[in-house]
Every structure is written in C-alpha cells, then in structure tokens.
Full PDB file with SEQRES, HELIX, SHEET, SSBOND, CRYST1, ORIGX, SCALE, CONECT and MASTER records, all heavy atoms in Angstrom:
SEQRES   1 A   33  VAL THR LEU ALA ALA PRO ARG ALA GLN HIS LEU ASP MET          
SEQRES   2 A   33  LEU ARG ALA ALA GLY LEU PRO ALA ASP THR ALA THR ALA          
SEQRES   3 A   33  PRO ASP VAL GLY ALA ALA ARG                                  
HELIX    1 AA1 ALA A    8  ALA A   16  1                                   9    
HELIX    2 AA2 VAL A   29  ALA A   32  1                                   4    
SHEET    1 AA1 2 THR A   2  ALA A   4  0                                        
SHEET    2 AA1 2 ALA A  24  ALA A  26  1                                        
CRYST1    1.000    1.000    1.000  90.00  90.00  90.00 P 1           1          
ORIGX1      1.000000  0.000000  0.000000        0.00000                         
ORIGX2      0.000000  1.000000  0.000000        0.00000                         
ORIGX3      0.000000  0.000000  1.000000        0.00000                         
SCALE1      1.000000  0.000000  0.000000        0.00000                         
SCALE2      0.000000  1.000000  0.000000        0.00000                         
SCALE3      0.000000  0.000000  1.000000        0.00000                         
ATOM      1  N   VAL A   1       1.557  -9.223 -10.656  1.00  0.00           N  
ATOM      2  CA  VAL A   1       0.824  -9.336  -9.391  1.00  0.00           C  
ATOM      3  C   VAL A   1      -0.257  -8.205  -9.391  1.00  0.00           C  
ATOM      4  O   VAL A   1       0.061  -7.069  -9.691  1.00  0.00           O  
ATOM      5  CB  VAL A   1       1.733  -9.171  -8.173  1.00  0.00           C  
ATOM      6  CG1 VAL A   1       0.928  -9.254  -6.885  1.00  0.00           C  
ATOM      7  CG2 VAL A   1       2.802 -10.244  -8.200  1.00  0.00           C  
ATOM      8  N   THR A   2      -1.444  -8.609  -9.025  1.00  0.00           N  
ATOM      9  CA  THR A   2      -2.544  -7.685  -8.878  1.00  0.00           C  
ATOM     10  C   THR A   2      -3.143  -7.813  -7.473  1.00  0.00           C  
ATOM     11  O   THR A   2      -3.410  -8.956  -7.030  1.00  0.00           O  
ATOM     12  CB  THR A   2      -3.678  -7.894  -9.915  1.00  0.00           C  
ATOM     13  OG1 THR A   2      -3.106  -7.818 -11.189  1.00  0.00           O  
ATOM     14  CG2 THR A   2      -4.780  -6.889  -9.753  1.00  0.00           C  
ATOM     15  N   LEU A   3      -3.392  -6.715  -6.790  1.00  0.00           N  
ATOM     16  CA  LEU A   3      -4.070  -6.720  -5.495  1.00  0.00           C  
ATOM     17  C   LEU A   3      -5.562  -6.445  -5.753  1.00  0.00           C  
ATOM     18  O   LEU A   3      -5.911  -5.435  -6.298  1.00  0.00           O  
ATOM     19  CB  LEU A   3      -3.482  -5.645  -4.577  1.00  0.00           C  
ATOM     20  CG  LEU A   3      -2.001  -5.767  -4.217  1.00  0.00           C  
ATOM     21  CD1 LEU A   3      -1.602  -4.576  -3.337  1.00  0.00           C  
ATOM     22  CD2 LEU A   3      -1.716  -7.074  -3.527  1.00  0.00           C  
ATOM     23  N   ALA A   4      -6.368  -7.429  -5.306  1.00  0.00           N  
ATOM     24  CA  ALA A   4      -7.815  -7.294  -5.493  1.00  0.00           C  
ATOM     25  C   ALA A   4      -8.485  -6.842  -4.192  1.00  0.00           C  
ATOM     26  O   ALA A   4      -8.211  -7.398  -3.127  1.00  0.00           O  
ATOM     27  CB  ALA A   4      -8.405  -8.622  -5.929  1.00  0.00           C  
ATOM     28  N   ALA A   5      -9.287  -5.827  -4.277  1.00  0.00           N  
ATOM     29  CA  ALA A   5     -10.087  -5.281  -3.166  1.00  0.00           C  
ATOM     30  C   ALA A   5      -9.242  -4.878  -1.984  1.00  0.00           C  
ATOM     31  O   ALA A   5      -9.618  -5.129  -0.838  1.00  0.00           O  
ATOM     32  CB  ALA A   5     -11.150  -6.329  -2.755  1.00  0.00           C  
ATOM     33  N   PRO A   6      -8.124  -4.165  -2.214  1.00  0.00           N  
ATOM     34  CA  PRO A   6      -7.346  -3.704  -1.044  1.00  0.00           C  
ATOM     35  C   PRO A   6      -8.030  -2.477  -0.436  1.00  0.00           C  
ATOM     36  O   PRO A   6      -8.558  -1.641  -1.132  1.00  0.00           O  
ATOM     37  CB  PRO A   6      -5.961  -3.350  -1.644  1.00  0.00           C  
ATOM     38  CG  PRO A   6      -6.313  -2.906  -3.022  1.00  0.00           C  
ATOM     39  CD  PRO A   6      -7.483  -3.738  -3.469  1.00  0.00           C  
ATOM     40  N   ARG A   7      -8.017  -2.412   0.889  1.00  0.00           N  
ATOM     41  CA  ARG A   7      -8.512  -1.217   1.573  1.00  0.00           C  
ATOM     42  C   ARG A   7      -7.515  -0.098   1.454  1.00  0.00           C  
ATOM     43  O   ARG A   7      -6.301  -0.344   1.400  1.00  0.00           O  
ATOM     44  CB  ARG A   7      -8.797  -1.530   3.051  1.00  0.00           C  
ATOM     45  CG  ARG A   7      -9.777  -2.690   3.187  1.00  0.00           C  
ATOM     46  CD  ARG A   7     -10.170  -2.872   4.615  1.00  0.00           C  
ATOM     47  NE  ARG A   7     -11.033  -4.044   4.737  1.00  0.00           N  
ATOM     48  CZ  ARG A   7     -11.887  -4.295   5.713  1.00  0.00           C  
ATOM     49  NH1 ARG A   7     -11.988  -3.397   6.718  1.00  0.00           N  
ATOM     50  NH2 ARG A   7     -12.622  -5.374   5.755  1.00  0.00           N  
ATOM     51  N   ALA A   8      -7.970   1.142   1.427  1.00  0.00           N  
ATOM     52  CA  ALA A   8      -7.090   2.256   1.171  1.00  0.00           C  
ATOM     53  C   ALA A   8      -5.963   2.374   2.227  1.00  0.00           C  
ATOM     54  O   ALA A   8      -4.802   2.561   1.905  1.00  0.00           O  
ATOM     55  CB  ALA A   8      -7.901   3.565   1.177  1.00  0.00           C  
ATOM     56  N   GLN A   9      -6.360   2.144   3.504  1.00  0.00           N  
ATOM     57  CA  GLN A   9      -5.364   2.212   4.564  1.00  0.00           C  
ATOM     58  C   GLN A   9      -4.335   1.096   4.499  1.00  0.00           C  
ATOM     59  O   GLN A   9      -3.161   1.256   4.779  1.00  0.00           O  
ATOM     60  CB  GLN A   9      -5.989   2.289   5.967  1.00  0.00           C  
ATOM     61  CG  GLN A   9      -6.748   1.015   6.374  1.00  0.00           C  
ATOM     62  CD  GLN A   9      -8.207   1.080   5.967  1.00  0.00           C  
ATOM     63  OE1 GLN A   9      -8.569   1.677   4.925  1.00  0.00           O  
ATOM     64  NE2 GLN A   9      -9.061   0.476   6.783  1.00  0.00           N  
ATOM     65  N   HIS A  10      -4.810  -0.080   3.995  1.00  0.00           N  
ATOM     66  CA  HIS A  10      -3.889  -1.203   3.833  1.00  0.00           C  
ATOM     67  C   HIS A  10      -2.909  -0.937   2.693  1.00  0.00           C  
ATOM     68  O   HIS A  10      -1.740  -1.286   2.788  1.00  0.00           O  
ATOM     69  CB  HIS A  10      -4.669  -2.485   3.569  1.00  0.00           C  
ATOM     70  CG  HIS A  10      -5.502  -2.921   4.737  1.00  0.00           C  
ATOM     71  ND1 HIS A  10      -6.454  -3.923   4.649  1.00  0.00           N  
ATOM     72  CD2 HIS A  10      -5.627  -2.434   6.027  1.00  0.00           C  
ATOM     73  CE1 HIS A  10      -7.022  -4.084   5.814  1.00  0.00           C  
ATOM     74  NE2 HIS A  10      -6.565  -3.192   6.666  1.00  0.00           N  
ATOM     75  N   LEU A  11      -3.412  -0.306   1.631  1.00  0.00           N  
ATOM     76  CA  LEU A  11      -2.558  -0.015   0.490  1.00  0.00           C  
ATOM     77  C   LEU A  11      -1.488   1.002   0.890  1.00  0.00           C  
ATOM     78  O   LEU A  11      -0.319   0.897   0.464  1.00  0.00           O  
ATOM     79  CB  LEU A  11      -3.450   0.552  -0.633  1.00  0.00           C  
ATOM     80  CG  LEU A  11      -2.880   0.458  -2.069  1.00  0.00           C  
ATOM     81  CD1 LEU A  11      -2.470  -0.967  -2.428  1.00  0.00           C  
ATOM     82  CD2 LEU A  11      -3.895   1.002  -3.046  1.00  0.00           C  
ATOM     83  N   ASP A  12      -1.853   1.963   1.713  1.00  0.00           N  
ATOM     84  CA  ASP A  12      -0.876   2.941   2.204  1.00  0.00           C  
ATOM     85  C   ASP A  12       0.237   2.228   3.020  1.00  0.00           C  
ATOM     86  O   ASP A  12       1.429   2.582   2.868  1.00  0.00           O  
ATOM     87  CB  ASP A  12      -1.552   4.007   3.038  1.00  0.00           C  
ATOM     88  CG  ASP A  12      -2.447   4.911   2.236  1.00  0.00           C  
ATOM     89  OD1 ASP A  12      -2.255   4.983   1.023  1.00  0.00           O  
ATOM     90  OD2 ASP A  12      -3.365   5.566   2.825  1.00  0.00           O  
ATOM     91  N   MET A  13      -0.193   1.290   3.865  1.00  0.00           N  
ATOM     92  CA  MET A  13       0.841   0.571   4.708  1.00  0.00           C  
ATOM     93  C   MET A  13       1.727  -0.273   3.801  1.00  0.00           C  
ATOM     94  O   MET A  13       2.943  -0.375   4.039  1.00  0.00           O  
ATOM     95  CB  MET A  13       0.113  -0.274   5.719  1.00  0.00           C  
ATOM     96  CG  MET A  13      -0.650   0.509   6.795  1.00  0.00           C  
ATOM     97  SD  MET A  13      -1.324  -0.512   8.095  1.00  0.00           S  
ATOM     98  CE  MET A  13       0.171  -0.945   8.966  1.00  0.00           C  
ATOM     99  N   LEU A  14       1.147  -0.937   2.808  1.00  0.00           N  
ATOM    100  CA  LEU A  14       1.972  -1.780   1.909  1.00  0.00           C  
ATOM    101  C   LEU A  14       2.999  -0.917   1.155  1.00  0.00           C  
ATOM    102  O   LEU A  14       4.160  -1.347   1.000  1.00  0.00           O  
ATOM    103  CB  LEU A  14       1.053  -2.510   0.916  1.00  0.00           C  
ATOM    104  CG  LEU A  14       0.276  -3.693   1.494  1.00  0.00           C  
ATOM    105  CD1 LEU A  14      -0.819  -4.144   0.541  1.00  0.00           C  
ATOM    106  CD2 LEU A  14       1.209  -4.857   1.814  1.00  0.00           C  
ATOM    107  N   ARG A  15       2.586   0.243   0.722  1.00  0.00           N  
ATOM    108  CA  ARG A  15       3.520   1.111   0.018  1.00  0.00           C  
ATOM    109  C   ARG A  15       4.623   1.585   0.944  1.00  0.00           C  
ATOM    110  O   ARG A  15       5.769   1.711   0.602  1.00  0.00           O  
ATOM    111  CB  ARG A  15       2.762   2.286  -0.606  1.00  0.00           C  
ATOM    112  CG  ARG A  15       1.955   1.843  -1.822  1.00  0.00           C  
ATOM    113  CD  ARG A  15       1.000   2.935  -2.271  1.00  0.00           C  
ATOM    114  NE  ARG A  15       0.273   2.523  -3.518  1.00  0.00           N  
ATOM    115  CZ  ARG A  15      -0.892   3.028  -3.853  1.00  0.00           C  
ATOM    116  NH1 ARG A  15      -1.487   3.970  -3.112  1.00  0.00           N  
ATOM    117  NH2 ARG A  15      -1.505   2.588  -4.957  1.00  0.00           N  
ATOM    118  N   ALA A  16       4.246   1.889   2.182  1.00  0.00           N  
ATOM    119  CA  ALA A  16       5.260   2.294   3.151  1.00  0.00           C  
ATOM    120  C   ALA A  16       6.197   1.151   3.499  1.00  0.00           C  
ATOM    121  O   ALA A  16       7.362   1.394   3.860  1.00  0.00           O  
ATOM    122  CB  ALA A  16       4.571   2.769   4.419  1.00  0.00           C  
ATOM    123  N   ALA A  17       5.725  -0.080   3.325  1.00  0.00           N  
ATOM    124  CA  ALA A  17       6.557  -1.235   3.642  1.00  0.00           C  
ATOM    125  C   ALA A  17       7.412  -1.701   2.421  1.00  0.00           C  
ATOM    126  O   ALA A  17       8.072  -2.722   2.487  1.00  0.00           O  
ATOM    127  CB  ALA A  17       5.696  -2.395   4.094  1.00  0.00           C  
ATOM    128  N   GLY A  18       7.288  -0.993   1.279  1.00  0.00           N  
ATOM    129  CA  GLY A  18       8.135  -1.292   0.144  1.00  0.00           C  
ATOM    130  C   GLY A  18       7.420  -1.942  -1.008  1.00  0.00           C  
ATOM    131  O   GLY A  18       8.085  -2.527  -1.926  1.00  0.00           O  
ATOM    132  N   LEU A  19       6.102  -1.864  -1.094  1.00  0.00           N  
ATOM    133  CA  LEU A  19       5.382  -2.402  -2.226  1.00  0.00           C  
ATOM    134  C   LEU A  19       5.796  -1.615  -3.492  1.00  0.00           C  
ATOM    135  O   LEU A  19       5.780  -0.397  -3.470  1.00  0.00           O  
ATOM    136  CB  LEU A  19       3.862  -2.241  -2.009  1.00  0.00           C  
ATOM    137  CG  LEU A  19       2.965  -2.723  -3.145  1.00  0.00           C  
ATOM    138  CD1 LEU A  19       2.926  -4.239  -3.223  1.00  0.00           C  
ATOM    139  CD2 LEU A  19       1.543  -2.183  -2.954  1.00  0.00           C  
ATOM    140  N   PRO A  20       6.177  -2.328  -4.563  1.00  0.00           N  
ATOM    141  CA  PRO A  20       6.518  -1.619  -5.803  1.00  0.00           C  
ATOM    142  C   PRO A  20       5.401  -0.666  -6.254  1.00  0.00           C  
ATOM    143  O   PRO A  20       4.215  -0.979  -6.207  1.00  0.00           O  
ATOM    144  CB  PRO A  20       6.691  -2.768  -6.845  1.00  0.00           C  
ATOM    145  CG  PRO A  20       7.112  -3.944  -6.004  1.00  0.00           C  
ATOM    146  CD  PRO A  20       6.339  -3.782  -4.725  1.00  0.00           C  
ATOM    147  N   ALA A  21       5.780   0.514  -6.615  1.00  0.00           N  
ATOM    148  CA  ALA A  21       4.812   1.563  -6.934  1.00  0.00           C  
ATOM    149  C   ALA A  21       3.887   1.241  -8.070  1.00  0.00           C  
ATOM    150  O   ALA A  21       2.753   1.697  -8.125  1.00  0.00           O  
ATOM    151  CB  ALA A  21       5.560   2.881  -7.228  1.00  0.00           C  
ATOM    152  N   ASP A  22       4.369   0.411  -9.014  1.00  0.00           N  
ATOM    153  CA  ASP A  22       3.577   0.035 -10.202  1.00  0.00           C  
ATOM    154  C   ASP A  22       2.731  -1.221 -10.030  1.00  0.00           C  
ATOM    155  O   ASP A  22       2.218  -1.775 -10.984  1.00  0.00           O  
ATOM    156  CB  ASP A  22       4.456  -0.106 -11.430  1.00  0.00           C  
ATOM    157  CG  ASP A  22       5.533  -1.143 -11.246  1.00  0.00           C  
ATOM    158  OD1 ASP A  22       5.733  -1.591 -10.092  1.00  0.00           O  
ATOM    159  OD2 ASP A  22       6.167  -1.547 -12.255  1.00  0.00           O  
ATOM    160  N   THR A  23       2.604  -1.723  -8.768  1.00  0.00           N  
ATOM    161  CA  THR A  23       1.806  -2.925  -8.556  1.00  0.00           C  
ATOM    162  C   THR A  23       0.351  -2.585  -8.858  1.00  0.00           C  
ATOM    163  O   THR A  23      -0.248  -1.591  -8.387  1.00  0.00           O  
ATOM    164  CB  THR A  23       1.907  -3.356  -7.081  1.00  0.00           C  
ATOM    165  OG1 THR A  23       3.270  -3.631  -6.783  1.00  0.00           O  
ATOM    166  CG2 THR A  23       1.074  -4.633  -6.844  1.00  0.00           C  
ATOM    167  N   ALA A  24      -0.293  -3.435  -9.686  1.00  0.00           N  
ATOM    168  CA  ALA A  24      -1.647  -3.244 -10.126  1.00  0.00           C  
ATOM    169  C   ALA A  24      -2.645  -3.484  -8.992  1.00  0.00           C  
ATOM    170  O   ALA A  24      -2.381  -4.374  -8.131  1.00  0.00           O  
ATOM    171  CB  ALA A  24      -1.978  -4.122 -11.304  1.00  0.00           C  
ATOM    172  N   THR A  25      -3.764  -2.794  -9.036  1.00  0.00           N  
ATOM    173  CA  THR A  25      -4.834  -2.992  -8.087  1.00  0.00           C  
ATOM    174  C   THR A  25      -6.149  -3.127  -8.820  1.00  0.00           C  
ATOM    175  O   THR A  25      -6.290  -2.618  -9.978  1.00  0.00           O  
ATOM    176  CB  THR A  25      -4.981  -1.885  -7.044  1.00  0.00           C  
ATOM    177  OG1 THR A  25      -5.266  -0.657  -7.697  1.00  0.00           O  
ATOM    178  CG2 THR A  25      -3.673  -1.685  -6.273  1.00  0.00           C  
ATOM    179  N   ALA A  26      -7.146  -3.789  -8.241  1.00  0.00           N  
ATOM    180  CA  ALA A  26      -8.446  -3.951  -8.833  1.00  0.00           C  
ATOM    181  C   ALA A  26      -9.493  -3.983  -7.725  1.00  0.00           C  
ATOM    182  O   ALA A  26      -9.192  -4.361  -6.596  1.00  0.00           O  
ATOM    183  CB  ALA A  26      -8.510  -5.235  -9.640  1.00  0.00           C  
ATOM    184  N   PRO A  27     -10.726  -3.550  -8.076  1.00  0.00           N  
ATOM    185  CA  PRO A  27     -11.749  -3.493  -6.984  1.00  0.00           C  
ATOM    186  C   PRO A  27     -12.195  -4.857  -6.509  1.00  0.00           C  
ATOM    187  O   PRO A  27     -12.728  -4.982  -5.439  1.00  0.00           O  
ATOM    188  CB  PRO A  27     -12.899  -2.699  -7.657  1.00  0.00           C  
ATOM    189  CG  PRO A  27     -12.659  -2.866  -9.128  1.00  0.00           C  
ATOM    190  CD  PRO A  27     -11.202  -2.959  -9.314  1.00  0.00           C  
ATOM    191  N   ASP A  28     -12.057  -5.883  -7.363  1.00  0.00           N  
ATOM    192  CA  ASP A  28     -12.431  -7.228  -6.946  1.00  0.00           C  
ATOM    193  C   ASP A  28     -11.675  -8.237  -7.796  1.00  0.00           C  
ATOM    194  O   ASP A  28     -10.956  -7.873  -8.747  1.00  0.00           O  
ATOM    195  CB  ASP A  28     -13.946  -7.441  -7.100  1.00  0.00           C  
ATOM    196  CG  ASP A  28     -14.490  -7.088  -8.486  1.00  0.00           C  
ATOM    197  OD1 ASP A  28     -13.884  -7.521  -9.492  1.00  0.00           O  
ATOM    198  OD2 ASP A  28     -15.485  -6.352  -8.532  1.00  0.00           O  
ATOM    199  N   VAL A  29     -11.849  -9.493  -7.506  1.00  0.00           N  
ATOM    200  CA  VAL A  29     -11.137 -10.558  -8.214  1.00  0.00           C  
ATOM    201  C   VAL A  29     -11.536 -10.619  -9.682  1.00  0.00           C  
ATOM    202  O   VAL A  29     -10.695 -10.803 -10.581  1.00  0.00           O  
ATOM    203  CB  VAL A  29     -11.372 -11.925  -7.547  1.00  0.00           C  
ATOM    204  CG1 VAL A  29     -10.765 -13.074  -8.399  1.00  0.00           C  
ATOM    205  CG2 VAL A  29     -10.760 -11.965  -6.169  1.00  0.00           C  
ATOM    206  N   GLY A  30     -12.855 -10.397  -9.963  1.00  0.00           N  
ATOM    207  CA  GLY A  30     -13.300 -10.437 -11.315  1.00  0.00           C  
ATOM    208  C   GLY A  30     -12.625  -9.427 -12.189  1.00  0.00           C  
ATOM    209  O   GLY A  30     -12.174  -9.733 -13.317  1.00  0.00           O  
ATOM    210  N   ALA A  31     -12.527  -8.215 -11.712  1.00  0.00           N  
ATOM    211  CA  ALA A  31     -11.876  -7.125 -12.456  1.00  0.00           C  
ATOM    212  C   ALA A  31     -10.380  -7.466 -12.611  1.00  0.00           C  
ATOM    213  O   ALA A  31      -9.785  -7.163 -13.644  1.00  0.00           O  
ATOM    214  CB  ALA A  31     -12.059  -5.827 -11.692  1.00  0.00           C  
ATOM    215  N   ALA A  32      -9.785  -8.084 -11.591  1.00  0.00           N  
ATOM    216  CA  ALA A  32      -8.366  -8.439 -11.709  1.00  0.00           C  
ATOM    217  C   ALA A  32      -8.147  -9.487 -12.775  1.00  0.00           C  
ATOM    218  O   ALA A  32      -7.162  -9.450 -13.531  1.00  0.00           O  
ATOM    219  CB  ALA A  32      -7.846  -8.946 -10.363  1.00  0.00           C  
ATOM    220  N   ARG A  33      -9.076 -10.472 -12.898  1.00  0.00           N  
ATOM    221  CA  ARG A  33      -8.962 -11.488 -13.941  1.00  0.00           C  
ATOM    222  C   ARG A  33      -9.062 -10.852 -15.331  1.00  0.00           C  
ATOM    223  O   ARG A  33      -8.320 -11.185 -16.227  1.00  0.00           O  
ATOM    224  CB  ARG A  33     -10.085 -12.525 -13.761  1.00  0.00           C  
ATOM    225  CG  ARG A  33      -9.856 -13.516 -12.605  1.00  0.00           C  
ATOM    226  CD  ARG A  33     -11.024 -14.487 -12.571  1.00  0.00           C  
ATOM    227  NE  ARG A  33     -10.946 -15.389 -11.456  1.00  0.00           N  
ATOM    228  CZ  ARG A  33     -10.207 -16.529 -11.441  1.00  0.00           C  
ATOM    229  NH1 ARG A  33      -9.501 -16.839 -12.499  1.00  0.00           N  
ATOM    230  NH2 ARG A  33     -10.193 -17.283 -10.389  1.00  0.00           N  
TER     231      ARG A  33                                                      
MASTER        0    0    0    2    2    0    0    6  230    1    0    3          
END                                                                             
C-alpha cells in the first residue's frame, strides 16, 4: 500500500490511528506507480 499526496497533518492523524509505520508514501500517483 502506498499513500499518494497525503497532507502532513493527515499523515500524523493516520499514524495516531494505527497506520503501520512502514507504509510507503509518495508525492503523487505517478511517483507511487
């Protein structure tokens, strides 16, 4: 699973809600692909 273009505050909330620490992120969908 890769999160594309997540906002910083949203990423903090997801981690607080139990998002696995090693979940990948990318600045946009193209980079995620």
